[in-house]
Amino acid sequence: MITQGRGSHRSEKDSWNSIRLFHLYRTGISALVFLMTFLDAVPGSLEFSNKQQFSVVALILLTINILLIPATFFRYVPFRKLVFGMVLMDVLGFVFLMHTSNGLQGGLGLLIIPSVAGASLLLPGTVALFFAALATLSVFAEVGYGILRDTY
């Protein structure tokens, strides 16, 4: 039996507490990525093909995460839609950050893994496979585009 889109193994209170923690992690990561570019504290392995675009995407990720705080803490959005939106935003945002930096070499693609793993814990079953497939295909598309542009 699935209740409000979460697994039957969890209570509603536990599910919402878990999504709050997941959202705090996501907000922290997006804040660190934005501060990293704002303060020019970029690690040596990360180079930018377009630093301005990278900064704008990092700011958009942070802004959306801040705007999602009321939806997460006061349950304005249904649980399943909120998780789907968060994962979709993370996958697309981090793939675009990969695109504006030096691709796979920068390591930003690794930030997709905890997002997909956390969402898979929140919505188990075939939805978890969908999240993993979406992330994999998105990274493959970025790498394919990089190969076509001769940047890899």
N, C-alpha and C. Protein backbone atom coordinates (compact mmCIF):
# COMPACT_ATOMS: atom_id res chain seq x y z
N MET A 1 0.84 -1.18 0.00
CA MET A 1 0.00 0.00 0.00
C MET A 1 0.89 1.24 0.00
N ILE A 2 0.66 2.14 -0.90
CA ILE A 2 1.43 3.37 -0.98
C ILE A 2 0.55 4.52 -0.50
N THR A 3 1.07 5.27 0.46
CA THR A 3 0.34 6.38 1.04
C THR A 3 1.01 7.68 0.63
N GLN A 4 0.29 8.54 -0.02
CA GLN A 4 0.79 9.84 -0.46
C GLN A 4 2.10 9.75 -1.22
N GLY A 5 2.32 8.69 -1.95
CA GLY A 5 3.48 8.59 -2.80
C GLY A 5 4.74 8.10 -2.13
N ARG A 6 4.71 7.85 -0.83
CA ARG A 6 5.89 7.33 -0.16
C ARG A 6 5.68 5.85 0.09
N GLY A 7 6.72 5.15 0.44
CA GLY A 7 6.61 3.72 0.67
C GLY A 7 5.75 3.42 1.90
N SER A 8 5.15 2.25 1.90
CA SER A 8 4.29 1.86 3.02
C SER A 8 5.10 1.54 4.27
N HIS A 9 6.42 1.45 4.14
CA HIS A 9 7.28 1.12 5.27
C HIS A 9 7.56 2.33 6.16
N ARG A 10 7.10 3.51 5.78
CA ARG A 10 7.40 4.72 6.53
C ARG A 10 6.12 5.42 6.95
N SER A 11 6.19 6.05 8.10
CA SER A 11 5.06 6.88 8.51
C SER A 11 5.16 8.23 7.81
N GLU A 12 4.07 8.97 7.84
CA GLU A 12 4.07 10.28 7.19
C GLU A 12 5.05 11.22 7.88
N LYS A 13 5.10 11.16 9.20
CA LYS A 13 6.01 12.03 9.95
C LYS A 13 7.46 11.72 9.61
N ASP A 14 7.81 10.44 9.55
CA ASP A 14 9.18 10.05 9.20
C ASP A 14 9.55 10.50 7.79
N SER A 15 8.61 10.37 6.87
CA SER A 15 8.87 10.76 5.48
C SER A 15 9.15 12.26 5.38
N TRP A 16 8.34 13.07 6.04
CA TRP A 16 8.54 14.51 5.98
C TRP A 16 9.80 14.94 6.73
N ASN A 17 10.13 14.26 7.82
CA ASN A 17 11.40 14.55 8.51
C ASN A 17 12.59 14.22 7.60
N SER A 18 12.49 13.11 6.87
CA SER A 18 13.57 12.72 5.96
C SER A 18 13.73 13.72 4.82
N ILE A 19 12.62 14.19 4.28
CA ILE A 19 12.72 15.14 3.16
C ILE A 19 13.26 16.49 3.65
N ARG A 20 12.98 16.84 4.89
CA ARG A 20 13.55 18.07 5.45
C ARG A 20 15.07 17.96 5.55
N LEU A 21 15.56 16.83 6.02
CA LEU A 21 17.01 16.63 6.09
C LEU A 21 17.64 16.61 4.70
N PHE A 22 16.97 15.97 3.78
CA PHE A 22 17.44 15.92 2.39
C PHE A 22 17.51 17.34 1.82
N HIS A 23 16.51 18.14 2.12
CA HIS A 23 16.49 19.51 1.62
C HIS A 23 17.60 20.35 2.26
N LEU A 24 17.86 20.15 3.53
CA LEU A 24 18.96 20.87 4.18
C LEU A 24 20.30 20.53 3.53
N TYR A 25 20.50 19.25 3.20
CA TYR A 25 21.72 18.84 2.50
C TYR A 25 21.81 19.54 1.15
N ARG A 26 20.71 19.54 0.40
CA ARG A 26 20.71 20.14 -0.94
C ARG A 26 20.97 21.63 -0.88
N THR A 27 20.36 22.31 0.09
CA THR A 27 20.57 23.75 0.25
C THR A 27 22.02 24.03 0.64
N GLY A 28 22.58 23.21 1.51
CA GLY A 28 23.98 23.39 1.90
C GLY A 28 24.94 23.21 0.74
N ILE A 29 24.71 22.19 -0.06
CA ILE A 29 25.58 21.96 -1.23
C ILE A 29 25.47 23.11 -2.22
N SER A 30 24.25 23.55 -2.51
CA SER A 30 24.09 24.65 -3.47
C SER A 30 24.69 25.94 -2.92
N ALA A 31 24.60 26.16 -1.61
CA ALA A 31 25.22 27.35 -1.01
C ALA A 31 26.74 27.27 -1.10
N LEU A 32 27.31 26.08 -0.86
CA LEU A 32 28.76 25.92 -0.97
C LEU A 32 29.25 26.13 -2.39
N VAL A 33 28.52 25.61 -3.37
CA VAL A 33 28.92 25.79 -4.77
C VAL A 33 28.86 27.26 -5.15
N PHE A 34 27.80 27.96 -4.71
CA PHE A 34 27.70 29.38 -5.02
C PHE A 34 28.80 30.17 -4.32
N LEU A 35 29.02 29.91 -3.03
CA LEU A 35 30.07 30.63 -2.31
C LEU A 35 31.45 30.35 -2.88
N MET A 36 31.64 29.13 -3.35
CA MET A 36 32.92 28.77 -3.95
C MET A 36 33.22 29.67 -5.16
N THR A 37 32.22 29.95 -5.97
CA THR A 37 32.45 30.81 -7.13
C THR A 37 32.45 32.28 -6.73
N PHE A 38 31.62 32.66 -5.77
CA PHE A 38 31.53 34.05 -5.35
C PHE A 38 32.83 34.52 -4.68
N LEU A 39 33.44 33.63 -3.89
CA LEU A 39 34.67 33.98 -3.17
C LEU A 39 35.93 33.58 -3.93
N ASP A 40 35.79 33.06 -5.13
CA ASP A 40 36.92 32.57 -5.93
C ASP A 40 37.75 31.53 -5.19
N ALA A 41 37.09 30.68 -4.45
CA ALA A 41 37.75 29.60 -3.72
C ALA A 41 37.55 28.29 -4.47
N VAL A 42 37.92 28.29 -5.73
CA VAL A 42 37.69 27.14 -6.60
C VAL A 42 38.87 26.19 -6.52
N PRO A 43 38.61 24.88 -6.31
CA PRO A 43 39.73 23.93 -6.29
C PRO A 43 40.47 23.90 -7.63
N GLY A 44 41.71 23.48 -7.59
CA GLY A 44 42.55 23.47 -8.79
C GLY A 44 42.05 22.57 -9.90
N SER A 45 41.31 21.52 -9.55
CA SER A 45 40.84 20.59 -10.58
C SER A 45 39.64 21.12 -11.35
N LEU A 46 39.06 22.22 -10.88
CA LEU A 46 37.86 22.76 -11.51
C LEU A 46 38.21 23.99 -12.33
N GLU A 47 37.99 23.89 -13.63
CA GLU A 47 38.21 25.02 -14.52
C GLU A 47 36.89 25.36 -15.17
N PHE A 48 36.73 26.60 -15.59
CA PHE A 48 35.47 27.04 -16.16
C PHE A 48 35.60 27.31 -17.64
N SER A 49 34.61 26.86 -18.40
CA SER A 49 34.53 27.28 -19.79
C SER A 49 33.77 28.60 -19.86
N ASN A 50 32.90 28.83 -18.87
CA ASN A 50 32.16 30.08 -18.78
C ASN A 50 31.83 30.32 -17.31
N LYS A 51 32.66 31.09 -16.64
CA LYS A 51 32.50 31.30 -15.19
C LYS A 51 31.22 32.05 -14.87
N GLN A 52 30.83 32.97 -15.74
CA GLN A 52 29.61 33.74 -15.47
C GLN A 52 28.38 32.83 -15.51
N GLN A 53 28.31 31.93 -16.50
CA GLN A 53 27.20 30.99 -16.55
C GLN A 53 27.21 30.07 -15.34
N PHE A 54 28.38 29.61 -14.94
CA PHE A 54 28.50 28.75 -13.77
C PHE A 54 27.94 29.46 -12.53
N SER A 55 28.31 30.72 -12.35
CA SER A 55 27.84 31.49 -11.20
C SER A 55 26.33 31.68 -11.25
N VAL A 56 25.79 31.94 -12.43
CA VAL A 56 24.35 32.14 -12.56
C VAL A 56 23.59 30.85 -12.24
N VAL A 57 24.08 29.71 -12.75
CA VAL A 57 23.42 28.43 -12.48
C VAL A 57 23.51 28.10 -10.99
N ALA A 58 24.66 28.36 -10.37
CA ALA A 58 24.81 28.11 -8.93
C ALA A 58 23.86 29.00 -8.13
N LEU A 59 23.70 30.24 -8.54
CA LEU A 59 22.77 31.15 -7.87
C LEU A 59 21.33 30.70 -8.05
N ILE A 60 20.99 30.23 -9.24
CA ILE A 60 19.62 29.73 -9.49
C ILE A 60 19.33 28.52 -8.62
N LEU A 61 20.29 27.58 -8.53
CA LEU A 61 20.10 26.41 -7.66
C LEU A 61 19.89 26.83 -6.20
N LEU A 62 20.70 27.76 -5.73
CA LEU A 62 20.56 28.22 -4.36
C LEU A 62 19.22 28.93 -4.14
N THR A 63 18.83 29.77 -5.07
CA THR A 63 17.57 30.50 -4.94
C THR A 63 16.37 29.55 -4.92
N ILE A 64 16.36 28.58 -5.81
CA ILE A 64 15.25 27.62 -5.84
C ILE A 64 15.21 26.81 -4.54
N ASN A 65 16.37 26.41 -4.05
CA ASN A 65 16.40 25.68 -2.78
C ASN A 65 15.88 26.53 -1.63
N ILE A 66 16.23 27.80 -1.61
CA ILE A 66 15.72 28.69 -0.56
C ILE A 66 14.21 28.87 -0.71
N LEU A 67 13.73 28.99 -1.94
CA LEU A 67 12.29 29.15 -2.16
C LEU A 67 11.51 27.88 -1.81
N LEU A 68 12.17 26.73 -1.84
CA LEU A 68 11.51 25.47 -1.50
C LEU A 68 11.44 25.19 0.00
N ILE A 69 12.06 26.04 0.80
CA ILE A 69 12.04 25.81 2.25
C ILE A 69 10.61 25.79 2.80
N PRO A 70 9.76 26.77 2.47
CA PRO A 70 8.38 26.69 3.00
C PRO A 70 7.62 25.46 2.50
N ALA A 71 7.83 25.10 1.25
CA ALA A 71 7.13 23.92 0.71
C ALA A 71 7.57 22.65 1.42
N THR A 72 8.84 22.60 1.82
CA THR A 72 9.35 21.42 2.49
C THR A 72 8.93 21.36 3.96
N PHE A 73 8.99 22.49 4.64
CA PHE A 73 8.72 22.49 6.07
C PHE A 73 7.24 22.63 6.42
N PHE A 74 6.45 23.22 5.52
CA PHE A 74 5.03 23.41 5.81
C PHE A 74 4.12 22.58 4.93
N ARG A 75 4.71 21.69 4.11
CA ARG A 75 3.97 20.71 3.31
C ARG A 75 2.99 21.36 2.32
N TYR A 76 3.43 22.41 1.65
CA TYR A 76 2.59 23.07 0.64
C TYR A 76 2.46 22.24 -0.63
N VAL A 77 3.45 21.42 -0.91
CA VAL A 77 3.48 20.62 -2.13
C VAL A 77 3.37 19.15 -1.73
N PRO A 78 2.61 18.34 -2.50
CA PRO A 78 2.54 16.91 -2.18
C PRO A 78 3.93 16.27 -2.18
N PHE A 79 4.10 15.29 -1.32
CA PHE A 79 5.40 14.66 -1.06
C PHE A 79 6.07 14.17 -2.34
N ARG A 80 5.34 13.40 -3.13
CA ARG A 80 5.91 12.79 -4.34
C ARG A 80 6.35 13.85 -5.34
N LYS A 81 5.53 14.88 -5.54
CA LYS A 81 5.88 15.94 -6.48
C LYS A 81 7.10 16.72 -6.00
N LEU A 82 7.19 16.91 -4.70
CA LEU A 82 8.33 17.64 -4.15
C LEU A 82 9.63 16.87 -4.38
N VAL A 83 9.62 15.57 -4.14
CA VAL A 83 10.83 14.77 -4.35
C VAL A 83 11.20 14.75 -5.83
N PHE A 84 10.21 14.55 -6.71
CA PHE A 84 10.49 14.56 -8.15
C PHE A 84 11.10 15.89 -8.57
N GLY A 85 10.53 16.99 -8.11
CA GLY A 85 11.05 18.31 -8.47
C GLY A 85 12.46 18.54 -7.98
N MET A 86 12.72 18.10 -6.75
CA MET A 86 14.06 18.27 -6.19
C MET A 86 15.11 17.50 -6.99
N VAL A 87 14.80 16.25 -7.31
CA VAL A 87 15.78 15.43 -8.03
C VAL A 87 15.97 15.95 -9.45
N LEU A 88 14.89 16.31 -10.11
CA LEU A 88 15.00 16.85 -11.46
C LEU A 88 15.84 18.12 -11.46
N MET A 89 15.62 18.99 -10.48
CA MET A 89 16.40 20.22 -10.39
C MET A 89 17.87 19.91 -10.12
N ASP A 90 18.15 18.97 -9.24
CA ASP A 90 19.54 18.62 -8.94
C ASP A 90 20.25 18.03 -10.16
N VAL A 91 19.61 17.09 -10.81
CA VAL A 91 20.24 16.43 -11.96
C VAL A 91 20.51 17.45 -13.06
N LEU A 92 19.50 18.22 -13.43
CA LEU A 92 19.69 19.21 -14.50
C LEU A 92 20.67 20.30 -14.09
N GLY A 93 20.56 20.76 -12.84
CA GLY A 93 21.46 21.81 -12.37
C GLY A 93 22.92 21.38 -12.35
N PHE A 94 23.18 20.20 -11.80
CA PHE A 94 24.57 19.75 -11.71
C PHE A 94 25.14 19.35 -13.07
N VAL A 95 24.30 18.85 -13.96
CA VAL A 95 24.78 18.56 -15.32
C VAL A 95 25.11 19.87 -16.03
N PHE A 96 24.30 20.89 -15.83
CA PHE A 96 24.62 22.17 -16.46
C PHE A 96 25.87 22.80 -15.83
N LEU A 97 26.06 22.60 -14.52
CA LEU A 97 27.30 23.06 -13.89
C LEU A 97 28.51 22.32 -14.47
N MET A 98 28.33 21.02 -14.73
CA MET A 98 29.39 20.25 -15.40
C MET A 98 29.68 20.84 -16.77
N HIS A 99 28.62 21.20 -17.47
CA HIS A 99 28.77 21.74 -18.82
C HIS A 99 29.55 23.06 -18.81
N THR A 100 29.28 23.93 -17.84
CA THR A 100 29.95 25.23 -17.81
C THR A 100 31.33 25.16 -17.18
N SER A 101 31.66 24.03 -16.56
CA SER A 101 33.02 23.85 -16.06
C SER A 101 33.74 22.89 -17.01
N ASN A 102 34.71 22.17 -16.52
CA ASN A 102 35.49 21.32 -17.43
C ASN A 102 34.95 19.89 -17.48
N GLY A 103 33.65 19.72 -17.40
CA GLY A 103 33.02 18.42 -17.61
C GLY A 103 33.29 17.43 -16.49
N LEU A 104 33.54 16.19 -16.87
CA LEU A 104 33.75 15.13 -15.88
C LEU A 104 35.02 15.32 -15.06
N GLN A 105 36.01 15.98 -15.62
CA GLN A 105 37.28 16.13 -14.92
C GLN A 105 37.15 16.95 -13.64
N GLY A 106 36.18 17.84 -13.57
CA GLY A 106 36.00 18.70 -12.40
C GLY A 106 35.39 17.98 -11.21
N GLY A 107 34.70 16.87 -11.42
CA GLY A 107 34.13 16.11 -10.34
C GLY A 107 32.75 16.54 -9.89
N LEU A 108 32.17 17.53 -10.55
CA LEU A 108 30.84 17.99 -10.14
C LEU A 108 29.75 16.94 -10.39
N GLY A 109 29.99 16.04 -11.31
CA GLY A 109 29.02 14.98 -11.57
C GLY A 109 28.80 14.08 -10.37
N LEU A 110 29.79 14.03 -9.47
CA LEU A 110 29.64 13.21 -8.27
C LEU A 110 28.58 13.75 -7.33
N LEU A 111 28.24 15.03 -7.44
CA LEU A 111 27.21 15.60 -6.59
C LEU A 111 25.81 15.09 -6.95
N ILE A 112 25.68 14.47 -8.10
CA ILE A 112 24.39 13.91 -8.49
C ILE A 112 24.11 12.63 -7.70
N ILE A 113 25.15 11.90 -7.33
CA ILE A 113 24.98 10.60 -6.67
C ILE A 113 24.22 10.70 -5.35
N PRO A 114 24.61 11.59 -4.40
CA PRO A 114 23.83 11.66 -3.16
C PRO A 114 22.39 12.12 -3.38
N SER A 115 22.18 12.95 -4.37
CA SER A 115 20.82 13.40 -4.66
C SER A 115 19.94 12.25 -5.11
N VAL A 116 20.46 11.44 -6.02
CA VAL A 116 19.70 10.29 -6.51
C VAL A 116 19.53 9.26 -5.39
N ALA A 117 20.57 9.05 -4.60
CA ALA A 117 20.48 8.09 -3.50
C ALA A 117 19.45 8.53 -2.46
N GLY A 118 19.46 9.81 -2.11
CA GLY A 118 18.50 10.31 -1.14
C GLY A 118 17.08 10.22 -1.64
N ALA A 119 16.88 10.55 -2.90
CA ALA A 119 15.54 10.46 -3.48
C ALA A 119 15.09 9.01 -3.57
N SER A 120 16.01 8.12 -3.82
CA SER A 120 15.67 6.69 -3.88
C SER A 120 15.26 6.16 -2.52
N LEU A 121 15.82 6.72 -1.46
CA LEU A 121 15.39 6.33 -0.13
C LEU A 121 14.01 6.90 0.21
N LEU A 122 13.73 8.09 -0.32
CA LEU A 122 12.44 8.72 -0.05
C LEU A 122 11.31 8.09 -0.85
N LEU A 123 11.59 7.71 -2.09
CA LEU A 123 10.59 7.07 -2.96
C LEU A 123 11.18 5.78 -3.50
N PRO A 124 11.08 4.68 -2.76
CA PRO A 124 11.70 3.43 -3.20
C PRO A 124 10.93 2.78 -4.35
N GLY A 125 11.52 1.74 -4.89
CA GLY A 125 10.87 0.97 -5.95
C GLY A 125 11.33 1.39 -7.33
N THR A 126 10.41 1.32 -8.28
CA THR A 126 10.76 1.63 -9.66
C THR A 126 11.07 3.10 -9.86
N VAL A 127 10.58 3.96 -8.98
CA VAL A 127 10.90 5.38 -9.08
C VAL A 127 12.39 5.60 -8.86
N ALA A 128 12.97 4.81 -7.97
CA ALA A 128 14.41 4.91 -7.72
C ALA A 128 15.21 4.58 -8.98
N LEU A 129 14.76 3.58 -9.71
CA LEU A 129 15.42 3.23 -10.97
C LEU A 129 15.28 4.35 -12.00
N PHE A 130 14.12 4.99 -12.00
CA PHE A 130 13.91 6.12 -12.91
C PHE A 130 14.90 7.25 -12.60
N PHE A 131 15.07 7.57 -11.31
CA PHE A 131 16.02 8.62 -10.93
C PHE A 131 17.43 8.28 -11.38
N ALA A 132 17.84 7.03 -11.16
CA ALA A 132 19.18 6.61 -11.55
C ALA A 132 19.36 6.66 -13.07
N ALA A 133 18.34 6.22 -13.80
CA ALA A 133 18.42 6.26 -15.27
C ALA A 133 18.47 7.69 -15.78
N LEU A 134 17.67 8.56 -15.19
CA LEU A 134 17.66 9.98 -15.59
C LEU A 134 19.03 10.61 -15.38
N ALA A 135 19.63 10.36 -14.23
CA ALA A 135 20.95 10.92 -13.94
C ALA A 135 22.00 10.36 -14.89
N THR A 136 21.96 9.06 -15.13
CA THR A 136 22.94 8.44 -16.02
C THR A 136 22.82 8.97 -17.43
N LEU A 137 21.61 9.02 -17.95
CA LEU A 137 21.41 9.53 -19.31
C LEU A 137 21.79 10.99 -19.44
N SER A 138 21.56 11.77 -18.40
CA SER A 138 21.93 13.18 -18.44
C SER A 138 23.45 13.36 -18.49
N VAL A 139 24.16 12.58 -17.69
CA VAL A 139 25.63 12.66 -17.72
C VAL A 139 26.16 12.16 -19.06
N PHE A 140 25.57 11.06 -19.57
CA PHE A 140 25.98 10.56 -20.89
C PHE A 140 25.74 11.61 -21.97
N ALA A 141 24.63 12.30 -21.90
CA ALA A 141 24.33 13.34 -22.90
C ALA A 141 25.36 14.46 -22.83
N GLU A 142 25.73 14.86 -21.62
CA GLU A 142 26.73 15.91 -21.46
C GLU A 142 28.09 15.46 -22.00
N VAL A 143 28.47 14.23 -21.71
CA VAL A 143 29.74 13.72 -22.21
C VAL A 143 29.70 13.60 -23.74
N GLY A 144 28.60 13.12 -24.28
CA GLY A 144 28.45 13.03 -25.74
C GLY A 144 28.55 14.40 -26.39
N TYR A 145 27.91 15.39 -25.78
CA TYR A 145 27.97 16.75 -26.31
C TYR A 145 29.41 17.28 -26.23
N GLY A 146 30.10 16.95 -25.15
CA GLY A 146 31.50 17.37 -25.03
C GLY A 146 32.40 16.71 -26.06
N ILE A 147 32.11 15.47 -26.37
CA ILE A 147 32.89 14.78 -27.41
C ILE A 147 32.63 15.41 -28.77
N LEU A 148 31.38 15.73 -29.06
CA LEU A 148 31.06 16.38 -30.34
C LEU A 148 31.69 17.76 -30.45
N ARG A 149 31.84 18.46 -29.34
CA ARG A 149 32.45 19.79 -29.35
C ARG A 149 33.97 19.73 -29.30
N ASP A 150 34.53 18.53 -29.17
CA ASP A 150 35.97 18.32 -29.03
C ASP A 150 36.53 18.95 -27.75
N THR A 151 35.78 18.90 -26.67
CA THR A 151 36.31 19.40 -25.39
C THR A 151 36.83 18.27 -24.52
N TYR A 152 36.58 17.01 -24.94
CA TYR A 152 37.11 15.85 -24.20
C TYR A 152 38.16 15.18 -25.01
